[in-house]
Amino acid sequence: MKKIYKIDVDCPMCAEKMESAAKNTEGVADAAVNFMTLKMSVEFDEGADPRDVMKSVCKNCKRADRDCEIYV
């Protein structure tokens, strides 16, 4: 399953950090952050609950860039 989320991030480098943090989250098969459109695309592992996984993605992204936001 793939979902797209609106995000708020200050710069392309921060967007890169968010993408890396999301990709390294358990339950995420793939993730991509587009700084220009301020959107994050997340593909979830089969059987993963997107709501639970996104809680972890948000925590990991905050560790990478404390000023970022993901609108879940």
Protein backbone atom coordinates (compact mmCIF):
# COMPACT_ATOMS: atom_id res chain seq x y z
CA MET A 1 0.00 0.00 0.00
CA LYS A 2 1.24 3.47 -0.87
CA LYS A 3 0.09 6.76 0.68
CA ILE A 4 1.04 10.40 0.16
CA TYR A 5 1.33 12.86 3.04
CA LYS A 6 1.64 16.63 3.11
CA ILE A 7 4.80 17.78 4.89
CA ASP A 8 6.42 20.97 6.07
CA VAL A 9 10.20 21.15 5.78
CA ASP A 10 12.58 24.12 5.52
CA CYS A 11 15.18 23.07 2.96
CA PRO A 12 16.12 20.34 0.46
CA MET A 13 18.80 18.99 2.80
CA CYS A 14 16.24 18.57 5.58
CA ALA A 15 13.90 16.84 3.12
CA GLU A 16 16.72 14.41 2.33
CA LYS A 17 17.15 13.68 6.04
CA MET A 18 13.40 13.05 6.36
CA GLU A 19 13.44 10.67 3.41
CA SER A 20 16.35 8.71 4.85
CA ALA A 21 14.71 8.53 8.28
CA ALA A 22 11.43 7.30 6.76
CA LYS A 23 13.17 4.67 4.63
CA ASN A 24 14.92 3.31 7.71
CA THR A 25 11.67 2.87 9.65
CA GLU A 26 10.36 -0.64 10.26
CA GLY A 27 7.26 -1.28 8.16
CA VAL A 28 8.33 1.06 5.34
CA ALA A 29 9.18 -0.60 2.03
CA ASP A 30 10.12 2.70 0.36
CA ALA A 31 9.73 6.44 0.86
CA ALA A 32 10.32 9.56 -1.19
CA VAL A 33 10.19 13.22 -0.18
CA ASN A 34 9.60 15.94 -2.74
CA PHE A 35 10.75 19.30 -1.38
CA MET A 36 9.18 21.26 -4.26
CA THR A 37 5.67 19.88 -3.70
CA LEU A 38 6.10 19.38 0.07
CA LYS A 39 4.85 15.81 -0.12
CA MET A 40 6.09 12.49 1.18
CA SER A 41 5.19 9.23 -0.53
CA VAL A 42 5.38 6.17 1.71
CA GLU A 43 5.05 2.58 0.54
CA PHE A 44 4.32 0.22 3.41
CA ASP A 45 5.44 -3.36 3.86
CA GLU A 46 2.75 -5.94 3.20
CA GLY A 47 0.63 -6.45 6.31
CA ALA A 48 1.91 -3.30 8.04
CA ASP A 49 -0.63 -0.94 9.64
CA PRO A 50 -0.01 2.49 8.06
CA ARG A 51 -1.20 4.37 11.18
CA ASP A 52 1.24 2.56 13.47
CA VAL A 53 4.10 2.82 10.99
CA MET A 54 3.52 6.55 10.48
CA LYS A 55 3.83 7.15 14.22
CA SER A 56 7.33 5.69 14.01
CA VAL A 57 8.08 7.59 10.78
CA CYS A 58 7.11 10.87 12.48
CA LYS A 59 9.34 10.12 15.48
CA ASN A 60 12.29 9.18 13.27
CA CYS A 61 11.87 12.26 11.08
CA LYS A 62 11.72 14.52 14.15
CA ARG A 63 15.03 13.01 15.29
CA ALA A 64 16.53 13.82 11.89
CA ASP A 65 15.06 17.35 11.72
CA ARG A 66 13.13 18.61 14.71
CA ASP A 67 11.43 21.39 12.70
CA CYS A 68 9.79 19.09 10.14
CA GLU A 69 6.10 18.19 10.14
CA ILE A 70 4.18 15.33 8.58
CA TYR A 71 0.42 15.82 8.36
CA VAL A 72 -0.96 12.34 8.94
